[in-house]
Amino acid sequence: MRAAGAARAALTAVAAVTALGLSACAGGPSLENRSAITASPGDSHDLAIGSAGFTESELLAQMYAALLQHAGYRTHVLTVGNRELYEPALEAGQIDVVPEYAATFADWLNAKNKGAEAAPVASPDLDATMAALRRLAGPRGLTVLPAGRAVDQNAFAVSAAHARRHHLKTLGDLGRAKLPVRLAAGEECVQRPFCAPGLKKKYGIHLTAIDPKGVGTTPAKQAVQNGQDQMVLTTSTDATLDQFGLVLLADDKKLQNADYVVPVVHRARAGSARVAAALNRLNKVLTTADLAHLNEEVDSWRRLPADVARNYLRSEGLLPRG
């Protein structure tokens, strides 16, 4: 799910953030010594909100910016193409707040510390994942705020007709049905523990082949729609499943990691209780289904992320109407 507008905005932001973030990270204390730094949480009144350049991240960044603005801060959104760019800038204080995903960010920081072959620290257990993430983020001057209700993780969908015919509501149902399943997914699914190996081991699903059409792509969904494949790997906030007559099967045995949406802030600039209180208001209302619908408004209805974000916040009573 990528927004054309976000991609265009990234062209100006990436150069600035790269120059600032990478140069700023070149000096300062080593990571080993940063854990001893005990600077008080900051409360800068001018905050930069980072977005990773795809629709969902842009929506979350716009909601964060609007909530913080309503709380009295001056805010602006910087769209930066990927985590390799925005995370160093976040550490350096050129970006103050970013929306992240708990499990993915925990494993990313762990790999940054210990190398790409490091054993994963994230798991389906949200509390354990958050604890690991905070241990990794703290020495880098980052504070991880509480996770909300919305989660964006790997998910598997089948055609609604197939689900009705075989009484499928969960992946466990599919495993017990012993139906042959050709899975539309990325090539890496063959090896990833949360894809083919996990589906076989945890659920006993009879996978006959991996059809390498990508994760949640239109060709992958069409392959399930027309019966060429029986299931597709997508995400839990996929906004287009209805268009292809597809439904998600619940991950009833918790194969997937706890990729809940979490705000991450630069502690020395945005670590105050007031920032946390403003952002935590969103946690109480935003659900996975809400996020999928908001993605759809941008991707399918061609609405601007900033407008969609503000309309949602107003509808939930988090911003005044009008």
C-alpha atoms as a PDB file:
ATOM      1  CA  MET A   1       0.000   0.000   0.000  1.00  0.00           C
ATOM      2  CA  ARG A   2       1.914   2.972  -1.286  1.00  0.00           C
ATOM      3  CA  ALA A   3       0.614   6.515  -1.687  1.00  0.00           C
ATOM      4  CA  ALA A   4       1.721   8.488  -4.747  1.00  0.00           C
ATOM      5  CA  GLY A   5       1.600  11.712  -2.783  1.00  0.00           C
ATOM      6  CA  ALA A   6       3.833  10.280  -0.066  1.00  0.00           C
ATOM      7  CA  ALA A   7       6.344   9.146  -2.646  1.00  0.00           C
ATOM      8  CA  ARG A   8       6.517  12.645  -4.153  1.00  0.00           C
ATOM      9  CA  ALA A   9       6.908  14.265  -0.749  1.00  0.00           C
ATOM     10  CA  ALA A  10       9.788  11.921   0.031  1.00  0.00           C
ATOM     11  CA  LEU A  11      11.911  13.460  -2.716  1.00  0.00           C
ATOM     12  CA  THR A  12      12.449  16.655  -0.738  1.00  0.00           C
ATOM     13  CA  ALA A  13      12.538  15.136   2.728  1.00  0.00           C
ATOM     14  CA  VAL A  14      14.949  12.273   2.064  1.00  0.00           C
ATOM     15  CA  ALA A  15      17.843  14.486   1.040  1.00  0.00           C
ATOM     16  CA  ALA A  16      17.466  16.738   4.051  1.00  0.00           C
ATOM     17  CA  VAL A  17      17.015  13.939   6.548  1.00  0.00           C
ATOM     18  CA  THR A  18      19.848  11.899   5.059  1.00  0.00           C
ATOM     19  CA  ALA A  19      22.259  14.812   5.326  1.00  0.00           C
ATOM     20  CA  LEU A  20      21.175  15.718   8.842  1.00  0.00           C
ATOM     21  CA  GLY A  21      20.551  12.272  10.254  1.00  0.00           C
ATOM     22  CA  LEU A  22      23.586  10.444   8.974  1.00  0.00           C
ATOM     23  CA  SER A  23      26.014  13.241   9.779  1.00  0.00           C
ATOM     24  CA  ALA A  24      24.567  13.685  13.269  1.00  0.00           C
ATOM     25  CA  CYS A  25      24.884   9.986  13.987  1.00  0.00           C
ATOM     26  CA  ALA A  26      28.556  10.002  13.102  1.00  0.00           C
ATOM     27  CA  GLY A  27      29.546  11.629  16.404  1.00  0.00           C
ATOM     28  CA  GLY A  28      28.334  11.477  19.983  1.00  0.00           C
ATOM     29  CA  PRO A  29      28.646   8.702  22.536  1.00  0.00           C
ATOM     30  CA  SER A  30      28.962   5.098  21.496  1.00  0.00           C
ATOM     31  CA  LEU A  31      25.911   2.866  21.754  1.00  0.00           C
ATOM     32  CA  GLU A  32      27.552   1.011  24.618  1.00  0.00           C
ATOM     33  CA  ASN A  33      27.738   4.237  26.636  1.00  0.00           C
ATOM     34  CA  ARG A  34      24.343   5.638  25.750  1.00  0.00           C
ATOM     35  CA  SER A  35      22.550   3.468  28.289  1.00  0.00           C
ATOM     36  CA  ALA A  36      24.222   5.546  30.998  1.00  0.00           C
ATOM     37  CA  ILE A  37      22.712   8.778  29.654  1.00  0.00           C
ATOM     38  CA  THR A  38      19.781   9.851  31.818  1.00  0.00           C
ATOM     39  CA  ALA A  39      18.632  13.087  30.182  1.00  0.00           C
ATOM     40  CA  SER A  40      15.193  14.215  31.287  1.00  0.00           C
ATOM     41  CA  PRO A  41      12.332  13.656  28.831  1.00  0.00           C
ATOM     42  CA  GLY A  42      12.092  16.679  26.560  1.00  0.00           C
ATOM     43  CA  ASP A  43       9.080  18.711  25.540  1.00  0.00           C
ATOM     44  CA  SER A  44       9.973  20.658  22.408  1.00  0.00           C
ATOM     45  CA  HIS A  45       7.086  22.725  21.095  1.00  0.00           C
ATOM     46  CA  ASP A  46       8.014  22.187  17.426  1.00  0.00           C
ATOM     47  CA  LEU A  47       7.837  18.523  16.472  1.00  0.00           C
ATOM     48  CA  ALA A  48       8.682  16.697  13.246  1.00  0.00           C
ATOM     49  CA  ILE A  49       6.554  13.602  12.651  1.00  0.00           C
ATOM     50  CA  GLY A  50       8.149  10.982  10.420  1.00  0.00           C
ATOM     51  CA  SER A  51       6.353   8.838   7.841  1.00  0.00           C
ATOM     52  CA  ALA A  52       7.837   5.863   6.014  1.00  0.00           C
ATOM     53  CA  GLY A  53       6.308   6.784   2.663  1.00  0.00           C
ATOM     54  CA  PHE A  54       3.445   4.301   2.337  1.00  0.00           C
ATOM     55  CA  THR A  55      -0.245   4.967   2.855  1.00  0.00           C
ATOM     56  CA  GLU A  56      -0.683   3.532   6.336  1.00  0.00           C
ATOM     57  CA  SER A  57       2.420   5.203   7.725  1.00  0.00           C
ATOM     58  CA  GLU A  58       1.363   8.522   6.212  1.00  0.00           C
ATOM     59  CA  LEU A  59      -2.095   8.218   7.766  1.00  0.00           C
ATOM     60  CA  LEU A  60      -0.677   7.450  11.192  1.00  0.00           C
ATOM     61  CA  ALA A  61       1.821  10.311  10.935  1.00  0.00           C
ATOM     62  CA  GLN A  62      -0.951  12.724   9.974  1.00  0.00           C
ATOM     63  CA  MET A  63      -3.066  11.575  12.929  1.00  0.00           C
ATOM     64  CA  TYR A  64      -0.114  11.984  15.294  1.00  0.00           C
ATOM     65  CA  ALA A  65       0.551  15.463  13.905  1.00  0.00           C
ATOM     66  CA  ALA A  66      -3.089  16.533  14.282  1.00  0.00           C
ATOM     67  CA  LEU A  67      -3.372  15.210  17.849  1.00  0.00           C
ATOM     68  CA  LEU A  68      -0.145  16.903  18.901  1.00  0.00           C
ATOM     69  CA  GLN A  69      -1.192  20.129  17.217  1.00  0.00           C
ATOM     70  CA  HIS A  70      -4.481  20.001  19.111  1.00  0.00           C
ATOM     71  CA  ALA A  71      -2.454  19.561  22.317  1.00  0.00           C
ATOM     72  CA  GLY A  72      -0.591  22.801  21.611  1.00  0.00           C
ATOM     73  CA  TYR A  73       2.456  21.723  19.596  1.00  0.00           C
ATOM     74  CA  ARG A  74       3.609  23.001  16.221  1.00  0.00           C
ATOM     75  CA  THR A  75       3.935  19.977  13.953  1.00  0.00           C
ATOM     76  CA  HIS A  76       4.977  19.071  10.437  1.00  0.00           C
ATOM     77  CA  VAL A  77       5.192  15.707   8.684  1.00  0.00           C
ATOM     78  CA  LEU A  78       8.378  14.533   6.976  1.00  0.00           C
ATOM     79  CA  THR A  79       7.977  11.639   4.560  1.00  0.00           C
ATOM     80  CA  VAL A  80      11.144   9.516   4.420  1.00  0.00           C
ATOM     81  CA  GLY A  81      11.355   6.440   2.249  1.00  0.00           C
ATOM     82  CA  ASN A  82      12.481   3.721   4.627  1.00  0.00           C
ATOM     83  CA  ARG A  83      13.566   2.736   8.133  1.00  0.00           C
ATOM     84  CA  GLU A  84      17.253   2.824   7.196  1.00  0.00           C
ATOM     85  CA  LEU A  85      16.876   6.587   6.731  1.00  0.00           C
ATOM     86  CA  TYR A  86      14.347   7.677   9.321  1.00  0.00           C
ATOM     87  CA  GLU A  87      15.599   5.655  12.287  1.00  0.00           C
ATOM     88  CA  PRO A  88      19.064   7.307  12.402  1.00  0.00           C
ATOM     89  CA  ALA A  89      17.338  10.688  11.977  1.00  0.00           C
ATOM     90  CA  LEU A  90      15.030   9.814  14.872  1.00  0.00           C
ATOM     91  CA  GLU A  91      18.024   8.968  17.058  1.00  0.00           C
ATOM     92  CA  ALA A  92      19.676  12.244  16.085  1.00  0.00           C
ATOM     93  CA  GLY A  93      16.573  14.333  16.838  1.00  0.00           C
ATOM     94  CA  GLN A  94      15.864  15.515  13.283  1.00  0.00           C
ATOM     95  CA  ILE A  95      12.631  13.518  13.533  1.00  0.00           C
ATOM     96  CA  ASP A  96      10.801  13.499  16.859  1.00  0.00           C
ATOM     97  CA  VAL A  97       7.974  10.978  16.475  1.00  0.00           C
ATOM     98  CA  VAL A  98       7.335   8.052  14.123  1.00  0.00           C
ATOM     99  CA  PRO A  99       4.626   5.387  13.893  1.00  0.00           C
ATOM    100  CA  GLU A 100       6.223   1.962  14.122  1.00  0.00           C
ATOM    101  CA  TYR A 101       5.292  -1.721  14.417  1.00  0.00           C
ATOM    102  CA  ALA A 102       6.377  -3.380  17.650  1.00  0.00           C
ATOM    103  CA  ALA A 103       7.690  -6.747  16.468  1.00  0.00           C
ATOM    104  CA  THR A 104       9.245  -5.535  13.227  1.00  0.00           C
ATOM    105  CA  PHE A 105      11.010  -2.618  14.909  1.00  0.00           C
ATOM    106  CA  ALA A 106      12.272  -4.799  17.778  1.00  0.00           C
ATOM    107  CA  ASP A 107      13.858  -7.291  15.398  1.00  0.00           C
ATOM    108  CA  TRP A 108      15.211  -4.487  13.206  1.00  0.00           C
ATOM    109  CA  LEU A 109      16.950  -2.792  16.135  1.00  0.00           C
ATOM    110  CA  ASN A 110      18.257  -6.149  17.345  1.00  0.00           C
ATOM    111  CA  ALA A 111      19.727  -6.866  13.910  1.00  0.00           C
ATOM    112  CA  LYS A 112      21.238  -3.378  13.877  1.00  0.00           C
ATOM    113  CA  ASN A 113      22.974  -4.210  17.166  1.00  0.00           C
ATOM    114  CA  LYS A 114      24.003  -7.792  16.510  1.00  0.00           C
ATOM    115  CA  GLY A 115      23.899  -8.276  12.747  1.00  0.00           C
ATOM    116  CA  ALA A 116      21.429  -9.675  10.234  1.00  0.00           C
ATOM    117  CA  GLU A 117      21.764 -13.227  11.560  1.00  0.00           C
ATOM    118  CA  ALA A 118      20.752 -12.291  15.113  1.00  0.00           C
ATOM    119  CA  ALA A 119      18.071 -14.488  16.685  1.00  0.00           C
ATOM    120  CA  PRO A 120      14.667 -12.749  16.712  1.00  0.00           C
ATOM    121  CA  VAL A 121      13.588 -11.051  19.937  1.00  0.00           C
ATOM    122  CA  ALA A 122       9.974 -10.430  18.869  1.00  0.00           C
ATOM    123  CA  SER A 123       7.200 -12.964  19.327  1.00  0.00           C
ATOM    124  CA  PRO A 124       3.386 -13.216  19.224  1.00  0.00           C
ATOM    125  CA  ASP A 125       3.419 -12.127  22.890  1.00  0.00           C
ATOM    126  CA  LEU A 126       2.874  -8.349  22.902  1.00  0.00           C
ATOM    127  CA  ASP A 127       4.166  -7.767  26.429  1.00  0.00           C
ATOM    128  CA  ALA A 128       7.388  -9.704  25.798  1.00  0.00           C
ATOM    129  CA  THR A 129       7.878  -7.998  22.442  1.00  0.00           C
ATOM    130  CA  MET A 130       7.358  -4.537  23.929  1.00  0.00           C
ATOM    131  CA  ALA A 131       9.807  -5.305  26.739  1.00  0.00           C
ATOM    132  CA  ALA A 132      12.442  -6.371  24.218  1.00  0.00           C
ATOM    133  CA  LEU A 133      11.771  -3.342  22.051  1.00  0.00           C
ATOM    134  CA  ARG A 134      12.126  -0.918  24.966  1.00  0.00           C
ATOM    135  CA  ARG A 135      15.399  -2.538  26.040  1.00  0.00           C
ATOM    136  CA  LEU A 136      16.768  -1.975  22.549  1.00  0.00           C
ATOM    137  CA  ALA A 137      15.328   1.504  22.010  1.00  0.00           C
ATOM    138  CA  GLY A 138      16.308   3.051  25.351  1.00  0.00           C
ATOM    139  CA  PRO A 139      20.097   3.134  24.823  1.00  0.00           C
ATOM    140  CA  ARG A 140      19.477   4.852  21.490  1.00  0.00           C
ATOM    141  CA  GLY A 141      17.650   7.741  23.168  1.00  0.00           C
ATOM    142  CA  LEU A 142      14.232   6.509  22.031  1.00  0.00           C
ATOM    143  CA  THR A 143      11.081   5.993  24.051  1.00  0.00           C
ATOM    144  CA  VAL A 144       8.455   3.496  22.913  1.00  0.00           C
ATOM    145  CA  LEU A 145       4.953   4.579  23.937  1.00  0.00           C
ATOM    146  CA  PRO A 146       2.159   2.074  24.672  1.00  0.00           C
ATOM    147  CA  ALA A 147       0.831  -0.011  21.797  1.00  0.00           C
ATOM    148  CA  GLY A 148      -2.678   0.593  20.571  1.00  0.00           C
ATOM    149  CA  ARG A 149      -5.365  -1.834  19.423  1.00  0.00           C
ATOM    150  CA  ALA A 150      -4.432  -1.774  15.725  1.00  0.00           C
ATOM    151  CA  VAL A 151      -2.080  -4.422  14.383  1.00  0.00           C
ATOM    152  CA  ASP A 152      -0.617  -4.794  10.899  1.00  0.00           C
ATOM    153  CA  GLN A 153       0.844  -8.247  10.461  1.00  0.00           C
ATOM    154  CA  ASN A 154       0.995 -11.037   7.927  1.00  0.00           C
ATOM    155  CA  ALA A 155      -2.457 -12.456   7.250  1.00  0.00           C
ATOM    156  CA  PHE A 156      -3.912 -15.111   4.975  1.00  0.00           C
ATOM    157  CA  ALA A 157      -7.060 -14.823   2.889  1.00  0.00           C
ATOM    158  CA  VAL A 158      -9.198 -17.248   0.903  1.00  0.00           C
ATOM    159  CA  SER A 159     -12.175 -16.659  -1.348  1.00  0.00           C
ATOM    160  CA  ALA A 160     -15.412 -16.061   0.538  1.00  0.00           C
ATOM    161  CA  ALA A 161     -17.046 -18.830  -1.488  1.00  0.00           C
ATOM    162  CA  HIS A 162     -14.290 -21.291  -0.553  1.00  0.00           C
ATOM    163  CA  ALA A 163     -14.643 -20.324   3.100  1.00  0.00           C
ATOM    164  CA  ARG A 164     -18.414 -20.858   3.057  1.00  0.00           C
ATOM    165  CA  ARG A 165     -18.137 -24.169   1.209  1.00  0.00           C
ATOM    166  CA  HIS A 166     -15.664 -25.637   3.695  1.00  0.00           C
ATOM    167  CA  HIS A 167     -16.774 -23.789   6.857  1.00  0.00           C
ATOM    168  CA  LEU A 168     -13.471 -21.952   7.221  1.00  0.00           C
ATOM    169  CA  LYS A 169     -13.113 -19.094   9.679  1.00  0.00           C
ATOM    170  CA  THR A 170      -9.608 -19.706  11.019  1.00  0.00           C
ATOM    171  CA  LEU A 171      -6.307 -21.109   9.854  1.00  0.00           C
ATOM    172  CA  GLY A 172      -6.944 -23.909  12.324  1.00  0.00           C
ATOM    173  CA  ASP A 173     -10.123 -24.784  10.405  1.00  0.00           C
ATOM    174  CA  LEU A 174      -8.099 -24.955   7.195  1.00  0.00           C
ATOM    175  CA  GLY A 175      -5.525 -27.250   8.762  1.00  0.00           C
ATOM    176  CA  ARG A 176      -8.189 -29.595  10.116  1.00  0.00           C
ATOM    177  CA  ALA A 177      -9.944 -29.677   6.721  1.00  0.00           C
ATOM    178  CA  LYS A 178      -6.805 -31.196   5.113  1.00  0.00           C
ATOM    179  CA  LEU A 179      -7.533 -29.353   1.877  1.00  0.00           C
ATOM    180  CA  PRO A 180      -4.714 -28.948  -0.648  1.00  0.00           C
ATOM    181  CA  VAL A 181      -3.582 -25.310  -0.683  1.00  0.00           C
ATOM    182  CA  ARG A 182      -1.589 -23.528  -3.352  1.00  0.00           C
ATOM    183  CA  LEU A 183      -0.460 -20.265  -1.724  1.00  0.00           C
ATOM    184  CA  ALA A 184       0.093 -16.982  -3.566  1.00  0.00           C
ATOM    185  CA  ALA A 185       2.934 -15.217  -1.742  1.00  0.00           C
ATOM    186  CA  GLY A 186       6.465 -13.895  -2.096  1.00  0.00           C
ATOM    187  CA  GLU A 187       9.297 -16.258  -2.950  1.00  0.00           C
ATOM    188  CA  GLU A 188      10.721 -15.857   0.563  1.00  0.00           C
ATOM    189  CA  CYS A 189       7.603 -17.542   1.995  1.00  0.00           C
ATOM    190  CA  VAL A 190       9.273 -20.904   1.458  1.00  0.00           C
ATOM    191  CA  GLN A 191      11.807 -20.127   4.206  1.00  0.00           C
ATOM    192  CA  ARG A 192      10.133 -17.575   6.475  1.00  0.00           C
ATOM    193  CA  PRO A 193       9.013 -19.171   9.777  1.00  0.00           C
ATOM    194  CA  PHE A 194       5.800 -17.135   9.794  1.00  0.00           C
ATOM    195  CA  CYS A 195       4.835 -18.271   6.304  1.00  0.00           C
ATOM    196  CA  ALA A 196       5.048 -21.758   4.760  1.00  0.00           C
ATOM    197  CA  PRO A 197       7.049 -23.501   7.535  1.00  0.00           C
ATOM    198  CA  GLY A 198       4.783 -22.069  10.236  1.00  0.00           C
ATOM    199  CA  LEU A 199       1.569 -22.879   8.374  1.00  0.00           C
ATOM    200  CA  LYS A 200       2.713 -26.491   8.074  1.00  0.00           C
ATOM    201  CA  LYS A 201       4.132 -26.916  11.586  1.00  0.00           C
ATOM    202  CA  LYS A 202       1.641 -24.947  13.687  1.00  0.00           C
ATOM    203  CA  TYR A 203      -1.533 -25.518  11.685  1.00  0.00           C
ATOM    204  CA  GLY A 204      -0.872 -28.691   9.690  1.00  0.00           C
ATOM    205  CA  ILE A 205      -1.960 -26.937   6.492  1.00  0.00           C
ATOM    206  CA  HIS A 206      -1.331 -29.023   3.377  1.00  0.00           C
ATOM    207  CA  LEU A 207       0.629 -26.637   1.140  1.00  0.00           C
ATOM    208  CA  THR A 208       1.145 -28.029  -2.341  1.00  0.00           C
ATOM    209  CA  ALA A 209       3.076 -25.084  -3.813  1.00  0.00           C
ATOM    210  CA  ILE A 210       4.042 -21.445  -3.393  1.00  0.00           C
ATOM    211  CA  ASP A 211       2.916 -19.293  -6.316  1.00  0.00           C
ATOM    212  CA  PRO A 212       5.466 -16.408  -6.289  1.00  0.00           C
ATOM    213  CA  LYS A 213       3.154 -13.491  -7.011  1.00  0.00           C
ATOM    214  CA  GLY A 214       4.183 -11.280  -4.091  1.00  0.00           C
ATOM    215  CA  VAL A 215       2.591 -10.240  -0.809  1.00  0.00           C
ATOM    216  CA  GLY A 216      -0.919  -8.884  -1.242  1.00  0.00           C
ATOM    217  CA  THR A 217      -0.389  -7.903  -4.872  1.00  0.00           C
ATOM    218  CA  THR A 218      -3.270  -7.628  -7.322  1.00  0.00           C
ATOM    219  CA  PRO A 219      -2.082 -10.678  -9.339  1.00  0.00           C
ATOM    220  CA  ALA A 220      -1.855 -12.711  -6.110  1.00  0.00           C
ATOM    221  CA  LYS A 221      -5.411 -11.830  -5.112  1.00  0.00           C
ATOM    222  CA  GLN A 222      -6.692 -12.446  -8.623  1.00  0.00           C
ATOM    223  CA  ALA A 223      -5.126 -15.907  -8.557  1.00  0.00           C
ATOM    224  CA  VAL A 224      -7.231 -16.780  -5.505  1.00  0.00           C
ATOM    225  CA  GLN A 225     -10.292 -15.064  -6.917  1.00  0.00           C
ATOM    226  CA  ASN A 226     -10.188 -17.166 -10.095  1.00  0.00           C
ATOM    227  CA  GLY A 227      -9.311 -20.420  -8.295  1.00  0.00           C
ATOM    228  CA  GLN A 228      -5.762 -20.796  -9.584  1.00  0.00           C
ATOM    229  CA  ASP A 229      -4.592 -20.559  -5.962  1.00  0.00           C
ATOM    230  CA  GLN A 230      -6.514 -21.274  -2.778  1.00  0.00           C
ATOM    231  CA  MET A 231      -4.951 -18.738  -0.398  1.00  0.00           C
ATOM    232  CA  VAL A 232      -2.982 -15.485  -0.510  1.00  0.00           C
ATOM    233  CA  LEU A 233      -0.492 -13.941   1.890  1.00  0.00           C
ATOM    234  CA  THR A 234      -1.435 -10.329   2.574  1.00  0.00           C
ATOM    235  CA  THR A 235      -1.646  -8.063   5.642  1.00  0.00           C
ATOM    236  CA  SER A 236      -4.257  -7.607   8.357  1.00  0.00           C
ATOM    237  CA  THR A 237      -5.002  -4.041   7.194  1.00  0.00           C
ATOM    238  CA  ASP A 238      -5.422  -4.907   3.508  1.00  0.00           C
ATOM    239  CA  ALA A 239      -8.125  -2.562   2.261  1.00  0.00           C
ATOM    240  CA  THR A 240      -8.965  -4.319  -1.010  1.00  0.00           C
ATOM    241  CA  LEU A 241      -9.989  -7.860  -0.071  1.00  0.00           C
ATOM    242  CA  ASP A 242     -13.697  -7.204  -0.682  1.00  0.00           C
ATOM    243  CA  GLN A 243     -12.942  -6.153  -4.246  1.00  0.00           C
ATOM    244  CA  PHE A 244     -11.640  -9.656  -4.951  1.00  0.00           C
ATOM    245  CA  GLY A 245     -14.252 -11.546  -2.927  1.00  0.00           C
ATOM    246  CA  LEU A 246     -11.696 -12.582  -0.316  1.00  0.00           C
ATOM    247  CA  VAL A 247     -11.886 -12.966   3.464  1.00  0.00           C
ATOM    248  CA  LEU A 248      -9.169 -13.286   6.096  1.00  0.00           C
ATOM    249  CA  LEU A 249      -8.763 -16.461   8.143  1.00  0.00           C
ATOM    250  CA  ALA A 250      -8.079 -15.743  11.815  1.00  0.00           C
ATOM    251  CA  ASP A 251      -4.636 -16.630  13.159  1.00  0.00           C
ATOM    252  CA  ASP A 252      -6.172 -18.588  16.044  1.00  0.00           C
ATOM    253  CA  LYS A 253      -2.907 -20.191  17.185  1.00  0.00           C
ATOM    254  CA  LYS A 254      -0.948 -16.917  17.017  1.00  0.00           C
ATOM    255  CA  LEU A 255       1.626 -17.765  14.392  1.00  0.00           C
ATOM    256  CA  GLN A 256       2.318 -14.106  13.617  1.00  0.00           C
ATOM    257  CA  ASN A 257       4.383 -11.740  15.720  1.00  0.00           C
ATOM    258  CA  ALA A 258       2.839  -8.873  17.699  1.00  0.00           C
ATOM    259  CA  ASP A 259       3.161  -6.124  15.095  1.00  0.00           C
ATOM    260  CA  TYR A 260       0.955  -3.633  16.921  1.00  0.00           C
ATOM    261  CA  VAL A 261       1.173   0.026  15.988  1.00  0.00           C
ATOM    262  CA  VAL A 262       3.373   1.925  18.465  1.00  0.00           C
ATOM    263  CA  PRO A 263       4.534   5.558  18.518  1.00  0.00           C
ATOM    264  CA  VAL A 264       8.294   5.894  19.007  1.00  0.00           C
ATOM    265  CA  VAL A 265       9.660   9.266  20.149  1.00  0.00           C
ATOM    266  CA  HIS A 266      13.027  10.930  20.561  1.00  0.00           C
ATOM    267  CA  ARG A 267      13.232  11.075  24.347  1.00  0.00           C
ATOM    268  CA  ALA A 268      15.154  14.343  24.707  1.00  0.00           C
ATOM    269  CA  ARG A 269      12.752  16.251  22.436  1.00  0.00           C
ATOM    270  CA  ALA A 270       9.399  14.485  22.687  1.00  0.00           C
ATOM    271  CA  GLY A 271       9.583  12.213  25.717  1.00  0.00           C
ATOM    272  CA  SER A 272       7.215  14.244  27.887  1.00  0.00           C
ATOM    273  CA  ALA A 273       4.065  12.960  29.533  1.00  0.00           C
ATOM    274  CA  ARG A 274       2.103  15.552  27.539  1.00  0.00           C
ATOM    275  CA  VAL A 275       3.228  14.088  24.204  1.00  0.00           C
ATOM    276  CA  ALA A 276       2.431  10.581  25.440  1.00  0.00           C
ATOM    277  CA  ALA A 277      -1.028  11.623  26.635  1.00  0.00           C
ATOM    278  CA  ALA A 278      -1.864  13.231  23.290  1.00  0.00           C
ATOM    279  CA  LEU A 279      -0.822  10.159  21.289  1.00  0.00           C
ATOM    280  CA  ASN A 280      -2.325   7.644  23.696  1.00  0.00           C
ATOM    281  CA  ARG A 281      -5.778   9.052  22.934  1.00  0.00           C
ATOM    282  CA  LEU A 282      -5.567   7.362  19.542  1.00  0.00           C
ATOM    283  CA  ASN A 283      -4.773   3.985  21.122  1.00  0.00           C
ATOM    284  CA  LYS A 284      -8.192   3.830  22.725  1.00  0.00           C
ATOM    285  CA  VAL A 285     -10.118   4.039  19.461  1.00  0.00           C
ATOM    286  CA  LEU A 286      -8.039   2.982  16.426  1.00  0.00           C
ATOM    287  CA  THR A 287      -8.625  -0.668  15.520  1.00  0.00           C
ATOM    288  CA  THR A 288      -7.178  -2.871  12.814  1.00  0.00           C
ATOM    289  CA  ALA A 289     -10.487  -2.644  10.914  1.00  0.00           C
ATOM    290  CA  ASP A 290     -10.424   1.152  11.201  1.00  0.00           C
ATOM    291  CA  LEU A 291      -6.913   1.258   9.782  1.00  0.00           C
ATOM    292  CA  ALA A 292      -7.880  -0.956   6.857  1.00  0.00           C
ATOM    293  CA  HIS A 293     -10.844   1.309   6.071  1.00  0.00           C
ATOM    294  CA  LEU A 294      -8.677   4.438   6.254  1.00  0.00           C
ATOM    295  CA  ASN A 295      -6.155   2.835   3.897  1.00  0.00           C
ATOM    296  CA  GLU A 296      -9.007   2.148   1.497  1.00  0.00           C
ATOM    297  CA  GLU A 297     -10.155   5.772   1.564  1.00  0.00           C
ATOM    298  CA  VAL A 298      -6.707   6.867   0.419  1.00  0.00           C
ATOM    299  CA  ASP A 299      -5.804   4.041  -1.965  1.00  0.00           C
ATOM    300  CA  SER A 300      -9.177   3.352  -3.555  1.00  0.00           C
ATOM    301  CA  TRP A 301     -11.123   6.568  -3.075  1.00  0.00           C
ATOM    302  CA  ARG A 302      -8.120   8.820  -3.811  1.00  0.00           C
ATOM    303  CA  ARG A 303      -8.541  11.011  -0.748  1.00  0.00           C
ATOM    304  CA  LEU A 304      -5.648  12.893   0.829  1.00  0.00           C
ATOM    305  CA  PRO A 305      -4.123  11.199   3.914  1.00  0.00           C
ATOM    306  CA  ALA A 306      -4.274  14.443   5.926  1.00  0.00           C
ATOM    307  CA  ASP A 307      -7.990  14.853   5.197  1.00  0.00           C
ATOM    308  CA  VAL A 308      -8.787  11.209   5.935  1.00  0.00           C
ATOM    309  CA  ALA A 309      -6.817  11.375   9.192  1.00  0.00           C
ATOM    310  CA  ARG A 310      -8.545  14.525  10.446  1.00  0.00           C
ATOM    311  CA  ASN A 311     -12.009  13.277   9.476  1.00  0.00           C
ATOM    312  CA  TYR A 312     -11.425  10.071  11.411  1.00  0.00           C
ATOM    313  CA  LEU A 313     -10.199  11.900  14.500  1.00  0.00           C
ATOM    314  CA  ARG A 314     -13.238  14.196  14.389  1.00  0.00           C
ATOM    315  CA  SER A 315     -15.591  11.246  13.965  1.00  0.00           C
ATOM    316  CA  GLU A 316     -14.094   9.639  17.081  1.00  0.00           C
ATOM    317  CA  GLY A 317     -14.314  12.820  19.136  1.00  0.00           C
ATOM    318  CA  LEU A 318     -10.538  13.295  19.308  1.00  0.00           C
ATOM    319  CA  LEU A 319     -10.662  16.608  17.426  1.00  0.00           C
ATOM    320  CA  PRO A 320     -13.403  19.242  17.465  1.00  0.00           C
ATOM    321  CA  ARG A 321     -15.724  19.195  14.467  1.00  0.00           C
ATOM    322  CA  GLY A 322     -15.817  22.037  12.029  1.00  0.00           C
END
